Protein backbone atom coordinates (compact mmCIF):
# COMPACT_ATOMS: atom_id res chain seq x y z
CA MET A 1 -58.11 -33.72 -5.33
CA LYS A 2 -57.62 -32.74 -1.71
CA SER A 3 -57.72 -29.02 -1.03
CA SER A 4 -54.85 -27.43 0.82
CA ILE A 5 -54.97 -26.49 4.48
CA LYS A 6 -54.39 -22.81 5.21
CA SER A 7 -51.94 -21.75 7.92
CA GLU A 8 -54.81 -19.93 9.64
CA GLU A 9 -56.58 -23.26 10.07
CA ILE A 10 -53.47 -24.73 11.69
CA GLN A 11 -53.25 -21.74 14.04
CA ASN A 12 -56.97 -21.98 14.88
CA LEU A 13 -56.60 -25.65 15.76
CA ALA A 14 -53.69 -24.87 18.12
CA THR A 15 -55.65 -22.02 19.71
CA HIS A 16 -58.76 -24.18 20.13
CA ARG A 17 -56.79 -27.01 21.78
CA ILE A 18 -54.90 -24.72 24.17
CA GLU A 19 -58.09 -22.90 25.20
CA LYS A 20 -59.66 -26.22 26.22
CA LEU A 21 -56.58 -27.03 28.30
CA ARG A 22 -56.49 -23.56 29.84
CA LYS A 23 -59.85 -24.29 31.49
CA LEU A 24 -58.39 -27.18 33.51
CA ALA A 25 -57.46 -26.77 37.17
CA PHE A 26 -53.80 -27.01 38.19
CA ASP A 27 -54.27 -30.55 39.56
CA GLN A 28 -55.86 -31.65 36.29
CA VAL A 29 -53.00 -30.17 34.28
CA LEU A 30 -50.54 -31.95 36.58
CA GLU A 31 -52.19 -35.27 35.65
CA LEU A 32 -51.68 -34.73 31.90
CA PRO A 33 -48.94 -36.85 30.30
CA GLU A 34 -45.64 -35.08 29.63
CA LYS A 35 -46.13 -35.63 25.91
CA GLN A 36 -49.19 -36.75 24.01
CA ASN A 37 -49.35 -37.23 20.25
CA ASP A 38 -52.62 -36.99 18.39
CA HIS A 39 -53.87 -36.29 14.90
CA GLU A 40 -56.91 -34.97 13.13
CA THR A 41 -57.99 -35.08 9.53
CA ILE A 42 -59.12 -31.93 7.77
CA ARG A 43 -60.42 -32.34 4.23
CA GLY A 44 -58.58 -35.64 3.89
CA ARG A 45 -55.23 -34.29 5.12
CA ASN A 46 -53.47 -35.43 8.30
CA ILE A 47 -52.78 -32.78 10.92
CA TYR A 48 -50.35 -33.84 13.66
CA ILE A 49 -50.83 -32.50 17.17
CA ALA A 50 -48.39 -32.78 20.07
CA THR A 51 -49.26 -31.61 23.56
CA TYR A 52 -46.40 -31.05 26.01
CA ARG A 53 -46.62 -30.56 29.77
CA ASP A 54 -43.60 -29.93 31.95
CA GLN A 55 -43.00 -28.59 35.43
CA LEU A 56 -40.81 -25.53 35.78
CA GLN A 57 -38.23 -25.16 38.57
CA ASP A 58 -40.58 -22.92 40.54
CA GLY A 59 -43.35 -25.56 40.48
CA ARG A 60 -45.51 -23.96 37.82
CA LEU A 61 -46.65 -26.06 34.87
CA ARG A 62 -46.02 -25.18 31.24
CA VAL A 63 -48.41 -26.53 28.61
CA VAL A 64 -47.76 -26.21 24.89
CA VAL A 65 -49.77 -27.47 21.93
CA GLN A 66 -47.94 -27.81 18.63
CA VAL A 67 -49.89 -28.44 15.42
CA TYR A 68 -48.13 -29.46 12.22
CA HIS A 69 -49.33 -30.08 8.69
CA HIS A 70 -46.80 -31.69 6.33
CA ARG A 71 -47.18 -30.38 2.79
CA PHE A 72 -44.39 -31.48 0.47
CA LEU A 73 -40.71 -32.52 0.77
CA GLY A 74 -40.39 -31.51 4.40
CA PHE A 75 -42.25 -28.24 4.01
CA GLY A 76 -45.36 -27.60 6.03
CA SER A 77 -47.19 -25.34 8.43
CA MET A 78 -46.67 -25.31 12.17
CA ALA A 79 -48.41 -23.40 14.93
CA ALA A 80 -47.79 -23.53 18.66
CA GLU A 81 -49.68 -22.04 21.57
CA GLY A 82 -49.03 -22.36 25.27
CA PHE A 83 -49.45 -21.10 28.80
CA VAL A 84 -47.97 -21.45 32.26
CA VAL A 85 -50.22 -22.15 35.24
CA ALA A 86 -49.37 -21.79 38.93
CA SER A 87 -50.81 -23.85 41.78
CA ASP A 88 -53.03 -20.89 42.76
CA GLY A 89 -54.62 -21.03 39.28
CA THR A 90 -53.01 -17.93 37.82
CA HIS A 91 -52.03 -18.16 34.16
CA SER A 92 -49.23 -16.47 32.27
CA PRO A 93 -48.12 -16.73 28.64
CA VAL A 94 -45.22 -18.85 27.45
CA LEU A 95 -42.27 -16.66 26.52
CA ARG A 96 -42.14 -16.00 22.79
CA ARG A 97 -38.72 -16.47 21.25
CA ARG A 98 -37.73 -17.07 17.67
CA SER A 99 -34.40 -18.28 16.34
CA VAL A 100 -33.27 -20.25 13.35
CA ARG A 101 -29.96 -22.13 13.25
CA LEU A 102 -28.63 -23.16 9.84
CA GLU A 103 -25.56 -25.31 9.24
CA HIS A 104 -23.65 -26.18 6.09
CA PRO A 105 -23.02 -28.01 3.74
CA PRO A 106 -26.37 -27.69 1.92
CA GLU A 107 -26.94 -31.47 1.73
CA VAL A 108 -27.42 -31.55 5.52
CA LEU A 109 -29.22 -28.23 5.71
CA ARG A 110 -32.70 -29.76 5.84
CA LYS A 111 -31.77 -31.93 8.85
CA SER A 112 -30.10 -29.11 10.78
CA ILE A 113 -32.87 -26.52 11.00
CA SER A 114 -33.88 -25.77 14.56
CA ILE A 115 -36.69 -23.35 15.30
CA ARG A 116 -37.82 -21.97 18.65
CA TYR A 117 -41.25 -20.38 18.32
CA ARG A 118 -43.36 -19.21 21.21
CA GLY A 119 -41.18 -21.15 23.61
CA VAL A 120 -41.41 -24.43 21.67
CA GLN A 121 -38.26 -26.08 20.27
CA VAL A 122 -38.93 -27.67 16.89
CA SER A 123 -36.25 -29.85 15.28
CA PRO A 124 -36.56 -32.49 12.57
CA ALA A 125 -34.23 -34.85 14.43
CA ASN A 126 -32.86 -35.11 17.95
CA ARG A 127 -29.09 -35.24 17.87
């Protein structure tokens, strides 16, 4: 039987990935794709990783790594880490905001959860 993945392991993977990206120069970050999907396997379980890069209105670049492990019936663990880098190489954190939006009736509840965590919007479906 496969052993479960702890949420700390998901967070550590997000932190490890973002620290590698934080070492890149501004021009290297600019060359990253806007979205890149990847996965890793830990103890036989799939871990999904999405890396996002977008340019802010002031020209700075925001980079976010989101790591997700699906457990059972839509439940899972998610961690996200990010930073903002300016053309002069200075780094700043991504704003941390949390909100949960729930809609009714209950049969659509699972599809209507929207979470914003550490500046990353997470939704099961784009509507």
